[in-house]
All heavy atoms as atom14 arrays in JSON, in Angstrom:
{
  "sequence": "GLGDEFQQTELYLLDTATQSVRYIGPERVGPDGDNVLHLDDDGKFLVM",
  "atom14_mask": [
    [1, 1, 1, 1, 0, 0, 0, 0, 0, 0, 0, 0, 0, 0],
    [1, 1, 1, 1, 1, 1, 1, 1, 0, 0, 0, 0, 0, 0],
    [1, 1, 1, 1, 0, 0, 0, 0, 0, 0, 0, 0, 0, 0],
    [1, 1, 1, 1, 1, 1, 1, 1, 0, 0, 0, 0, 0, 0],
    [1, 1, 1, 1, 1, 1, 1, 1, 1, 0, 0, 0, 0, 0],
    [1, 1, 1, 1, 1, 1, 1, 1, 1, 1, 1, 0, 0, 0],
    [1, 1, 1, 1, 1, 1, 1, 1, 1, 0, 0, 0, 0, 0],
    [1, 1, 1, 1, 1, 1, 1, 1, 1, 0, 0, 0, 0, 0],
    [1, 1, 1, 1, 1, 1, 1, 0, 0, 0, 0, 0, 0, 0],
    [1, 1, 1, 1, 1, 1, 1, 1, 1, 0, 0, 0, 0, 0],
    [1, 1, 1, 1, 1, 1, 1, 1, 0, 0, 0, 0, 0, 0],
    [1, 1, 1, 1, 1, 1, 1, 1, 1, 1, 1, 1, 0, 0],
    [1, 1, 1, 1, 1, 1, 1, 1, 0, 0, 0, 0, 0, 0],
    [1, 1, 1, 1, 1, 1, 1, 1, 0, 0, 0, 0, 0, 0],
    [1, 1, 1, 1, 1, 1, 1, 1, 0, 0, 0, 0, 0, 0],
    [1, 1, 1, 1, 1, 1, 1, 0, 0, 0, 0, 0, 0, 0],
    [1, 1, 1, 1, 1, 0, 0, 0, 0, 0, 0, 0, 0, 0],
    [1, 1, 1, 1, 1, 1, 1, 0, 0, 0, 0, 0, 0, 0],
    [1, 1, 1, 1, 1, 1, 1, 1, 1, 0, 0, 0, 0, 0],
    [1, 1, 1, 1, 1, 1, 0, 0, 0, 0, 0, 0, 0, 0],
    [1, 1, 1, 1, 1, 1, 1, 0, 0, 0, 0, 0, 0, 0],
    [1, 1, 1, 1, 1, 1, 1, 1, 1, 1, 1, 0, 0, 0],
    [1, 1, 1, 1, 1, 1, 1, 1, 1, 1, 1, 1, 0, 0],
    [1, 1, 1, 1, 1, 1, 1, 1, 0, 0, 0, 0, 0, 0],
    [1, 1, 1, 1, 0, 0, 0, 0, 0, 0, 0, 0, 0, 0],
    [1, 1, 1, 1, 1, 1, 1, 0, 0, 0, 0, 0, 0, 0],
    [1, 1, 1, 1, 1, 1, 1, 1, 1, 0, 0, 0, 0, 0],
    [1, 1, 1, 1, 1, 1, 1, 1, 1, 1, 1, 0, 0, 0],
    [1, 1, 1, 1, 1, 1, 1, 0, 0, 0, 0, 0, 0, 0],
    [1, 1, 1, 1, 0, 0, 0, 0, 0, 0, 0, 0, 0, 0],
    [1, 1, 1, 1, 1, 1, 1, 0, 0, 0, 0, 0, 0, 0],
    [1, 1, 1, 1, 1, 1, 1, 1, 0, 0, 0, 0, 0, 0],
    [1, 1, 1, 1, 0, 0, 0, 0, 0, 0, 0, 0, 0, 0],
    [1, 1, 1, 1, 1, 1, 1, 1, 0, 0, 0, 0, 0, 0],
    [1, 1, 1, 1, 1, 1, 1, 1, 0, 0, 0, 0, 0, 0],
    [1, 1, 1, 1, 1, 1, 1, 0, 0, 0, 0, 0, 0, 0],
    [1, 1, 1, 1, 1, 1, 1, 1, 0, 0, 0, 0, 0, 0],
    [1, 1, 1, 1, 1, 1, 1, 1, 1, 1, 0, 0, 0, 0],
    [1, 1, 1, 1, 1, 1, 1, 1, 0, 0, 0, 0, 0, 0],
    [1, 1, 1, 1, 1, 1, 1, 1, 0, 0, 0, 0, 0, 0],
    [1, 1, 1, 1, 1, 1, 1, 1, 0, 0, 0, 0, 0, 0],
    [1, 1, 1, 1, 1, 1, 1, 1, 0, 0, 0, 0, 0, 0],
    [1, 1, 1, 1, 0, 0, 0, 0, 0, 0, 0, 0, 0, 0],
    [1, 1, 1, 1, 1, 1, 1, 1, 1, 0, 0, 0, 0, 0],
    [1, 1, 1, 1, 1, 1, 1, 1, 1, 1, 1, 0, 0, 0],
    [1, 1, 1, 1, 1, 1, 1, 1, 0, 0, 0, 0, 0, 0],
    [1, 1, 1, 1, 1, 1, 1, 0, 0, 0, 0, 0, 0, 0],
    [1, 1, 1, 1, 1, 1, 1, 1, 0, 0, 0, 0, 0, 0]
  ],
  "atom14_positions": [
    [[0.79, -1.23, 0.0], [0.0, 0.0, 0.0], [0.82, 1.27, 0.0], [0.27, 2.36, 0.03], [0.0, 0.0, 0.0], [0.0, 0.0, 0.0], [0.0, 0.0, 0.0], [0.0, 0.0, 0.0], [0.0, 0.0, 0.0], [0.0, 0.0, 0.0], [0.0, 0.0, 0.0], [0.0, 0.0, 0.0], [0.0, 0.0, 0.0], [0.0, 0.0, 0.0]],
    [[2.16, 1.15, -0.02], [3.03, 2.32, 0.0], [3.89, 2.33, -1.25], [4.06, 1.31, -1.93], [3.93, 2.32, 1.24], [3.22, 2.29, 2.59], [4.24, 2.07, 3.69], [2.45, 3.57, 2.82], [0.0, 0.0, 0.0], [0.0, 0.0, 0.0], [0.0, 0.0, 0.0], [0.0, 0.0, 0.0], [0.0, 0.0, 0.0], [0.0, 0.0, 0.0]],
    [[4.45, 3.48, -1.56], [5.4, 3.55, -2.65], [6.75, 3.02, -2.2], [6.89, 2.44, -1.12], [0.0, 0.0, 0.0], [0.0, 0.0, 0.0], [0.0, 0.0, 0.0], [0.0, 0.0, 0.0], [0.0, 0.0, 0.0], [0.0, 0.0, 0.0], [0.0, 0.0, 0.0], [0.0, 0.0, 0.0], [0.0, 0.0, 0.0], [0.0, 0.0, 0.0]],
    [[7.78, 3.25, -3.0], [9.11, 2.76, -2.64], [9.98, 3.85, -2.04], [11.15, 3.64, -1.78], [9.8, 2.15, -3.87], [9.85, 3.13, -5.04], [9.39, 4.27, -4.88], [10.35, 2.73, -6.11], [0.0, 0.0, 0.0], [0.0, 0.0, 0.0], [0.0, 0.0, 0.0], [0.0, 0.0, 0.0], [0.0, 0.0, 0.0], [0.0, 0.0, 0.0]],
    [[9.39, 5.05, -1.78], [10.15, 6.15, -1.22], [9.28, 6.95, -0.27], [8.05, 6.85, -0.3], [10.69, 7.04, -2.35], [9.62, 7.53, -3.29], [10.17, 8.1, -4.59], [11.39, 8.29, -4.69], [9.39, 8.34, -5.51], [0.0, 0.0, 0.0], [0.0, 0.0, 0.0], [0.0, 0.0, 0.0], [0.0, 0.0, 0.0], [0.0, 0.0, 0.0]],
    [[9.91, 7.75, 0.59], [9.16, 8.53, 1.57], [9.96, 9.75, 1.98], [11.17, 9.83, 1.75], [8.79, 7.68, 2.79], [9.98, 7.23, 3.62], [10.38, 7.93, 4.74], [10.68, 6.09, 3.26], [11.46, 7.52, 5.49], [11.76, 5.65, 4.01], [12.15, 6.37, 5.13], [0.0, 0.0, 0.0], [0.0, 0.0, 0.0], [0.0, 0.0, 0.0]],
    [[9.26, 10.71, 2.6], [9.89, 11.92, 3.12], [10.27, 11.69, 4.58], [9.43, 11.33, 5.4], [8.95, 13.11, 3.02], [9.55, 14.4, 3.54], [8.53, 15.52, 3.65], [7.45, 15.31, 4.19], [8.87, 16.69, 3.15], [0.0, 0.0, 0.0], [0.0, 0.0, 0.0], [0.0, 0.0, 0.0], [0.0, 0.0, 0.0], [0.0, 0.0, 0.0]],
    [[11.54, 11.88, 4.91], [12.03, 11.75, 6.28], [12.33, 13.13, 6.85], [13.08, 13.91, 6.24], [13.31, 10.92, 6.3], [13.94, 10.79, 7.69], [13.16, 9.87, 8.59], [13.0, 8.69, 8.29], [12.65, 10.39, 9.7], [0.0, 0.0, 0.0], [0.0, 0.0, 0.0], [0.0, 0.0, 0.0], [0.0, 0.0, 0.0], [0.0, 0.0, 0.0]],
    [[11.74, 13.46, 7.98], [12.07, 14.7, 8.68], [12.83, 14.37, 9.96], [12.5, 13.39, 10.64], [10.82, 15.53, 9.01], [9.93, 14.75, 9.82], [10.09, 15.94, 7.74], [0.0, 0.0, 0.0], [0.0, 0.0, 0.0], [0.0, 0.0, 0.0], [0.0, 0.0, 0.0], [0.0, 0.0, 0.0], [0.0, 0.0, 0.0], [0.0, 0.0, 0.0]],
    [[13.83, 15.18, 10.29], [14.66, 14.93, 11.46], [15.02, 16.25, 12.13], [15.0, 17.31, 11.5], [15.95, 14.2, 11.05], [15.72, 12.81, 10.5], [17.0, 12.18, 9.98], [17.75, 12.86, 9.27], [17.24, 11.0, 10.31], [0.0, 0.0, 0.0], [0.0, 0.0, 0.0], [0.0, 0.0, 0.0], [0.0, 0.0, 0.0], [0.0, 0.0, 0.0]],
    [[15.38, 16.17, 13.41], [15.81, 17.32, 14.18], [17.32, 17.29, 14.4], [17.9, 16.22, 14.65], [15.13, 17.33, 15.55], [13.63, 17.61, 15.6], [13.12, 17.44, 17.02], [13.32, 19.01, 15.08], [0.0, 0.0, 0.0], [0.0, 0.0, 0.0], [0.0, 0.0, 0.0], [0.0, 0.0, 0.0], [0.0, 0.0, 0.0], [0.0, 0.0, 0.0]],
    [[17.92, 18.48, 14.32], [19.36, 18.62, 14.62], [19.55, 19.82, 15.53], [18.75, 20.75, 15.54], [20.17, 18.78, 13.33], [20.24, 17.51, 12.51], [19.24, 17.22, 11.58], [21.27, 16.61, 12.69], [19.28, 16.04, 10.84], [21.33, 15.43, 11.95], [20.32, 15.15, 11.04], [20.37, 13.99, 10.32], [0.0, 0.0, 0.0], [0.0, 0.0, 0.0]],
    [[20.63, 19.78, 16.3], [20.92, 20.84, 17.25], [22.3, 21.42, 16.93], [23.3, 20.7, 16.86], [20.91, 20.3, 18.68], [20.87, 21.35, 19.8], [19.51, 22.05, 19.81], [21.13, 20.71, 21.15], [0.0, 0.0, 0.0], [0.0, 0.0, 0.0], [0.0, 0.0, 0.0], [0.0, 0.0, 0.0], [0.0, 0.0, 0.0], [0.0, 0.0, 0.0]],
    [[22.33, 22.73, 16.73], [23.58, 23.45, 16.49], [24.02, 24.12, 17.78], [23.29, 24.94, 18.34], [23.38, 24.49, 15.38], [24.51, 25.52, 15.18], [25.8, 24.84, 14.75], [24.08, 26.57, 14.16], [0.0, 0.0, 0.0], [0.0, 0.0, 0.0], [0.0, 0.0, 0.0], [0.0, 0.0, 0.0], [0.0, 0.0, 0.0], [0.0, 0.0, 0.0]],
    [[25.2, 23.77, 18.27], [25.79, 24.39, 19.47], [26.64, 25.56, 19.02], [27.64, 25.38, 18.32], [26.63, 23.36, 20.23], [27.06, 23.86, 21.6], [27.58, 25.0, 21.67], [26.9, 23.14, 22.59], [0.0, 0.0, 0.0], [0.0, 0.0, 0.0], [0.0, 0.0, 0.0], [0.0, 0.0, 0.0], [0.0, 0.0, 0.0], [0.0, 0.0, 0.0]],
    [[26.27, 26.78, 19.41], [26.99, 27.96, 18.93], [28.37, 28.1, 19.57], [29.25, 28.75, 19.0], [26.18, 29.24, 19.2], [26.01, 29.41, 20.61], [24.81, 29.17, 18.53], [0.0, 0.0, 0.0], [0.0, 0.0, 0.0], [0.0, 0.0, 0.0], [0.0, 0.0, 0.0], [0.0, 0.0, 0.0], [0.0, 0.0, 0.0], [0.0, 0.0, 0.0]],
    [[28.58, 27.48, 20.73], [29.89, 27.57, 21.38], [30.91, 26.69, 20.69], [32.05, 27.11, 20.43], [29.77, 27.2, 22.86], [0.0, 0.0, 0.0], [0.0, 0.0, 0.0], [0.0, 0.0, 0.0], [0.0, 0.0, 0.0], [0.0, 0.0, 0.0], [0.0, 0.0, 0.0], [0.0, 0.0, 0.0], [0.0, 0.0, 0.0], [0.0, 0.0, 0.0]],
    [[30.53, 25.46, 20.37], [31.46, 24.51, 19.75], [31.32, 24.47, 18.23], [32.15, 23.86, 17.55], [31.22, 23.09, 20.29], [29.89, 22.67, 19.93], [31.36, 23.07, 21.81], [0.0, 0.0, 0.0], [0.0, 0.0, 0.0], [0.0, 0.0, 0.0], [0.0, 0.0, 0.0], [0.0, 0.0, 0.0], [0.0, 0.0, 0.0], [0.0, 0.0, 0.0]],
    [[30.26, 25.12, 17.71], [29.96, 25.14, 16.27], [29.74, 23.73, 15.72], [29.98, 23.45, 14.54], [31.05, 25.86, 15.48], [31.26, 27.3, 15.91], [32.28, 28.04, 15.05], [32.62, 27.6, 13.95], [32.77, 29.17, 15.55], [0.0, 0.0, 0.0], [0.0, 0.0, 0.0], [0.0, 0.0, 0.0], [0.0, 0.0, 0.0], [0.0, 0.0, 0.0]],
    [[29.26, 22.84, 16.58], [29.0, 21.45, 16.18], [27.51, 21.22, 15.98], [26.68, 21.92, 16.58], [29.54, 20.48, 17.23], [28.88, 20.7, 18.48], [0.0, 0.0, 0.0], [0.0, 0.0, 0.0], [0.0, 0.0, 0.0], [0.0, 0.0, 0.0], [0.0, 0.0, 0.0], [0.0, 0.0, 0.0], [0.0, 0.0, 0.0], [0.0, 0.0, 0.0]],
    [[27.18, 20.25, 15.14], [25.79, 19.89, 14.85], [25.6, 18.41, 15.14], [26.43, 17.59, 14.73], [25.42, 20.19, 13.38], [23.97, 19.82, 13.1], [25.65, 21.66, 13.05], [0.0, 0.0, 0.0], [0.0, 0.0, 0.0], [0.0, 0.0, 0.0], [0.0, 0.0, 0.0], [0.0, 0.0, 0.0], [0.0, 0.0, 0.0], [0.0, 0.0, 0.0]],
    [[24.51, 18.07, 15.82], [24.24, 16.66, 16.1], [22.75, 16.37, 16.0], [21.92, 17.26, 16.17], [24.76, 16.27, 17.48], [24.22, 17.09, 18.64], [24.97, 16.76, 19.93], [24.66, 17.69, 21.0], [23.69, 17.51, 21.9], [22.93, 16.43, 21.85], [23.48, 18.41, 22.85], [0.0, 0.0, 0.0], [0.0, 0.0, 0.0], [0.0, 0.0, 0.0]],
    [[22.46, 15.09, 15.75], [21.07, 14.63, 15.65], [20.41, 14.66, 17.02], [21.03, 14.36, 18.04], [21.04, 13.21, 15.09], [19.7, 12.52, 15.23], [18.64, 12.84, 14.38], [19.49, 11.57, 16.22], [17.41, 12.21, 14.51], [18.26, 10.95, 16.36], [17.23, 11.27, 15.5], [16.0, 10.65, 15.64], [0.0, 0.0, 0.0], [0.0, 0.0, 0.0]],
    [[19.13, 15.03, 17.03], [18.34, 15.05, 18.25], [17.07, 14.22, 18.03], [16.33, 14.48, 17.06], [17.96, 16.49, 18.66], [19.19, 17.25, 19.15], [16.87, 16.5, 19.72], [19.75, 16.73, 20.46], [0.0, 0.0, 0.0], [0.0, 0.0, 0.0], [0.0, 0.0, 0.0], [0.0, 0.0, 0.0], [0.0, 0.0, 0.0], [0.0, 0.0, 0.0]],
    [[16.82, 13.26, 18.91], [15.59, 12.48, 18.78], [15.78, 11.06, 19.28], [16.88, 10.66, 19.69], [0.0, 0.0, 0.0], [0.0, 0.0, 0.0], [0.0, 0.0, 0.0], [0.0, 0.0, 0.0], [0.0, 0.0, 0.0], [0.0, 0.0, 0.0], [0.0, 0.0, 0.0], [0.0, 0.0, 0.0], [0.0, 0.0, 0.0], [0.0, 0.0, 0.0]],
    [[14.69, 10.28, 19.25], [14.78, 8.88, 19.66], [15.72, 8.1, 18.74], [15.97, 8.48, 17.59], [13.33, 8.38, 19.52], [12.49, 9.6, 19.46], [13.33, 10.66, 18.85], [0.0, 0.0, 0.0], [0.0, 0.0, 0.0], [0.0, 0.0, 0.0], [0.0, 0.0, 0.0], [0.0, 0.0, 0.0], [0.0, 0.0, 0.0], [0.0, 0.0, 0.0]],
    [[16.21, 6.97, 19.25], [17.13, 6.15, 18.46], [16.42, 5.57, 17.25], [16.98, 5.53, 16.15], [17.69, 5.02, 19.33], [18.7, 4.15, 18.61], [19.3, 3.09, 19.51], [19.13, 3.19, 20.75], [19.95, 2.16, 18.98], [0.0, 0.0, 0.0], [0.0, 0.0, 0.0], [0.0, 0.0, 0.0], [0.0, 0.0, 0.0], [0.0, 0.0, 0.0]],
    [[15.18, 5.15, 17.43], [14.39, 4.62, 16.32], [13.24, 5.59, 16.05], [12.48, 5.92, 16.95], [13.83, 3.24, 16.65], [14.89, 2.17, 16.86], [14.23, 0.84, 17.18], [13.34, 0.43, 16.11], [12.47, -0.6, 16.24], [12.37, -1.25, 17.38], [11.7, -0.93, 15.22], [0.0, 0.0, 0.0], [0.0, 0.0, 0.0], [0.0, 0.0, 0.0]],
    [[13.12, 6.03, 14.82], [12.08, 6.99, 14.5], [11.59, 6.73, 13.08], [12.36, 6.37, 12.2], [12.62, 8.44, 14.65], [13.74, 8.7, 13.68], [11.51, 9.46, 14.47], [0.0, 0.0, 0.0], [0.0, 0.0, 0.0], [0.0, 0.0, 0.0], [0.0, 0.0, 0.0], [0.0, 0.0, 0.0], [0.0, 0.0, 0.0], [0.0, 0.0, 0.0]],
    [[10.28, 6.91, 12.88], [9.68, 6.74, 11.57], [9.86, 7.99, 10.72], [10.73, 8.82, 10.99], [0.0, 0.0, 0.0], [0.0, 0.0, 0.0], [0.0, 0.0, 0.0], [0.0, 0.0, 0.0], [0.0, 0.0, 0.0], [0.0, 0.0, 0.0], [0.0, 0.0, 0.0], [0.0, 0.0, 0.0], [0.0, 0.0, 0.0], [0.0, 0.0, 0.0]],
    [[9.01, 8.16, 9.72], [9.2, 9.28, 8.78], [9.09, 10.66, 9.41], [9.76, 11.59, 8.97], [8.08, 9.06, 7.75], [7.74, 7.61, 7.85], [7.94, 7.25, 9.28], [0.0, 0.0, 0.0], [0.0, 0.0, 0.0], [0.0, 0.0, 0.0], [0.0, 0.0, 0.0], [0.0, 0.0, 0.0], [0.0, 0.0, 0.0], [0.0, 0.0, 0.0]],
    [[8.25, 10.82, 10.45], [8.0, 12.15, 11.02], [8.84, 12.32, 12.28], [8.43, 11.93, 13.38], [6.51, 12.32, 11.34], [5.64, 12.06, 10.13], [6.01, 12.54, 9.04], [4.62, 11.37, 10.26], [0.0, 0.0, 0.0], [0.0, 0.0, 0.0], [0.0, 0.0, 0.0], [0.0, 0.0, 0.0], [0.0, 0.0, 0.0], [0.0, 0.0, 0.0]],
    [[10.0, 12.93, 12.14], [10.91, 13.04, 13.27], [11.14, 14.45, 13.76], [12.15, 14.71, 14.43], [0.0, 0.0, 0.0], [0.0, 0.0, 0.0], [0.0, 0.0, 0.0], [0.0, 0.0, 0.0], [0.0, 0.0, 0.0], [0.0, 0.0, 0.0], [0.0, 0.0, 0.0], [0.0, 0.0, 0.0], [0.0, 0.0, 0.0], [0.0, 0.0, 0.0]],
    [[10.21, 15.38, 13.45], [10.44, 16.77, 13.85], [9.22, 17.39, 14.52], [9.1, 18.62, 14.56], [10.84, 17.62, 12.65], [9.7, 17.79, 11.65], [8.75, 16.99, 11.67], [9.77, 18.74, 10.84], [0.0, 0.0, 0.0], [0.0, 0.0, 0.0], [0.0, 0.0, 0.0], [0.0, 0.0, 0.0], [0.0, 0.0, 0.0], [0.0, 0.0, 0.0]],
    [[8.34, 16.57, 15.07], [7.1, 17.1, 15.66], [7.34, 17.48, 17.12], [7.11, 16.69, 18.04], [5.98, 16.06, 15.55], [4.63, 16.62, 15.94], [4.45, 17.84, 15.99], [3.71, 15.75, 16.26], [0.0, 0.0, 0.0], [0.0, 0.0, 0.0], [0.0, 0.0, 0.0], [0.0, 0.0, 0.0], [0.0, 0.0, 0.0], [0.0, 0.0, 0.0]],
    [[7.79, 18.71, 17.33], [8.09, 19.21, 18.67], [6.82, 19.74, 19.32], [6.16, 20.63, 18.78], [9.16, 20.32, 18.61], [9.42, 20.89, 20.01], [10.45, 19.8, 18.0], [0.0, 0.0, 0.0], [0.0, 0.0, 0.0], [0.0, 0.0, 0.0], [0.0, 0.0, 0.0], [0.0, 0.0, 0.0], [0.0, 0.0, 0.0], [0.0, 0.0, 0.0]],
    [[6.47, 19.2, 20.48], [5.31, 19.65, 21.24], [5.66, 20.8, 22.17], [4.85, 21.69, 22.41], [4.72, 18.5, 22.05], [4.31, 17.24, 21.3], [3.72, 16.24, 22.29], [3.31, 17.56, 20.2], [0.0, 0.0, 0.0], [0.0, 0.0, 0.0], [0.0, 0.0, 0.0], [0.0, 0.0, 0.0], [0.0, 0.0, 0.0], [0.0, 0.0, 0.0]],
    [[6.88, 20.76, 22.73], [7.28, 21.78, 23.71], [8.79, 21.89, 23.7], [9.51, 20.9, 23.65], [6.8, 21.39, 25.11], [7.25, 22.34, 26.18], [6.62, 23.54, 26.43], [8.28, 22.28, 27.08], [7.21, 24.17, 27.41], [8.23, 23.43, 27.83], [0.0, 0.0, 0.0], [0.0, 0.0, 0.0], [0.0, 0.0, 0.0], [0.0, 0.0, 0.0]],
    [[9.28, 23.14, 23.74], [10.71, 23.41, 23.85], [10.93, 24.26, 25.08], [10.36, 25.36, 25.21], [11.21, 24.13, 22.6], [12.69, 24.52, 22.56], [13.59, 23.3, 22.7], [13.02, 25.28, 21.28], [0.0, 0.0, 0.0], [0.0, 0.0, 0.0], [0.0, 0.0, 0.0], [0.0, 0.0, 0.0], [0.0, 0.0, 0.0], [0.0, 0.0, 0.0]],
    [[11.74, 23.76, 25.99], [12.05, 24.47, 27.23], [12.65, 25.84, 26.92], [13.51, 25.97, 26.05], [13.02, 23.63, 28.05], [13.5, 24.35, 29.3], [12.66, 24.81, 30.08], [14.74, 24.47, 29.46], [0.0, 0.0, 0.0], [0.0, 0.0, 0.0], [0.0, 0.0, 0.0], [0.0, 0.0, 0.0], [0.0, 0.0, 0.0], [0.0, 0.0, 0.0]],
    [[12.19, 26.86, 27.64], [12.66, 28.23, 27.4], [14.17, 28.36, 27.56], [14.81, 29.17, 26.87], [11.96, 29.21, 28.35], [10.49, 29.39, 28.03], [10.11, 29.16, 26.87], [9.72, 29.76, 28.95], [0.0, 0.0, 0.0], [0.0, 0.0, 0.0], [0.0, 0.0, 0.0], [0.0, 0.0, 0.0], [0.0, 0.0, 0.0], [0.0, 0.0, 0.0]],
    [[14.76, 27.6, 28.48], [16.2, 27.66, 28.71], [16.99, 26.71, 27.81], [18.22, 26.64, 27.92], [16.51, 27.35, 30.18], [15.9, 28.39, 31.12], [15.87, 29.58, 30.72], [15.46, 28.02, 32.22], [0.0, 0.0, 0.0], [0.0, 0.0, 0.0], [0.0, 0.0, 0.0], [0.0, 0.0, 0.0], [0.0, 0.0, 0.0], [0.0, 0.0, 0.0]],
    [[16.29, 25.97, 26.96], [16.97, 25.08, 26.04], [17.53, 23.82, 26.67], [18.45, 23.2, 26.13], [0.0, 0.0, 0.0], [0.0, 0.0, 0.0], [0.0, 0.0, 0.0], [0.0, 0.0, 0.0], [0.0, 0.0, 0.0], [0.0, 0.0, 0.0], [0.0, 0.0, 0.0], [0.0, 0.0, 0.0], [0.0, 0.0, 0.0], [0.0, 0.0, 0.0]],
    [[16.94, 23.39, 27.8], [17.45, 22.19, 28.48], [16.85, 20.91, 27.92], [17.51, 19.87, 27.89], [17.18, 22.28, 29.98], [17.93, 23.41, 30.66], [17.61, 23.46, 32.16], [18.39, 24.57, 32.85], [18.06, 24.65, 34.29], [0.0, 0.0, 0.0], [0.0, 0.0, 0.0], [0.0, 0.0, 0.0], [0.0, 0.0, 0.0], [0.0, 0.0, 0.0]],
    [[15.6, 20.96, 27.47], [14.95, 19.75, 26.98], [13.85, 20.12, 26.0], [13.42, 21.28, 25.91], [14.35, 18.93, 28.13], [13.15, 19.57, 28.78], [11.85, 19.26, 28.35], [13.29, 20.49, 29.8], [10.75, 19.85, 28.94], [12.19, 21.09, 30.4], [10.91, 20.77, 29.97], [0.0, 0.0, 0.0], [0.0, 0.0, 0.0], [0.0, 0.0, 0.0]],
    [[13.37, 19.13, 25.27], [12.17, 19.29, 24.45], [11.32, 18.04, 24.59], [11.8, 16.98, 25.01], [12.53, 19.57, 22.98], [13.28, 18.52, 22.16], [12.37, 17.4, 21.66], [13.94, 19.18, 20.95], [0.0, 0.0, 0.0], [0.0, 0.0, 0.0], [0.0, 0.0, 0.0], [0.0, 0.0, 0.0], [0.0, 0.0, 0.0], [0.0, 0.0, 0.0]],
    [[10.04, 18.19, 24.25], [9.11, 17.07, 24.22], [8.61, 16.94, 22.79], [8.22, 17.94, 22.17], [7.92, 17.29, 25.18], [6.94, 16.12, 25.12], [8.43, 17.48, 26.61], [0.0, 0.0, 0.0], [0.0, 0.0, 0.0], [0.0, 0.0, 0.0], [0.0, 0.0, 0.0], [0.0, 0.0, 0.0], [0.0, 0.0, 0.0], [0.0, 0.0, 0.0]],
    [[8.63, 15.73, 22.25], [8.27, 15.53, 20.86], [7.52, 14.2, 20.7], [7.54, 13.35, 21.59], [9.52, 15.49, 19.97], [10.44, 14.32, 20.27], [11.9, 14.26, 19.17], [11.15, 13.92, 17.57], [0.0, 0.0, 0.0], [0.0, 0.0, 0.0], [0.0, 0.0, 0.0], [0.0, 0.0, 0.0], [0.0, 0.0, 0.0], [0.0, 0.0, 0.0]]
  ]
}
């Protein structure tokens, strides 16, 4: 019932101090990986 391709969305975090970028999210994730419900004002955590 599906095609052979899909759109994958993912979250990444850029640290301005180290200028590094890393993946953010569960270890296993389906196509929709960027649905953020809440982002802590101080940037300590998010809920997705």
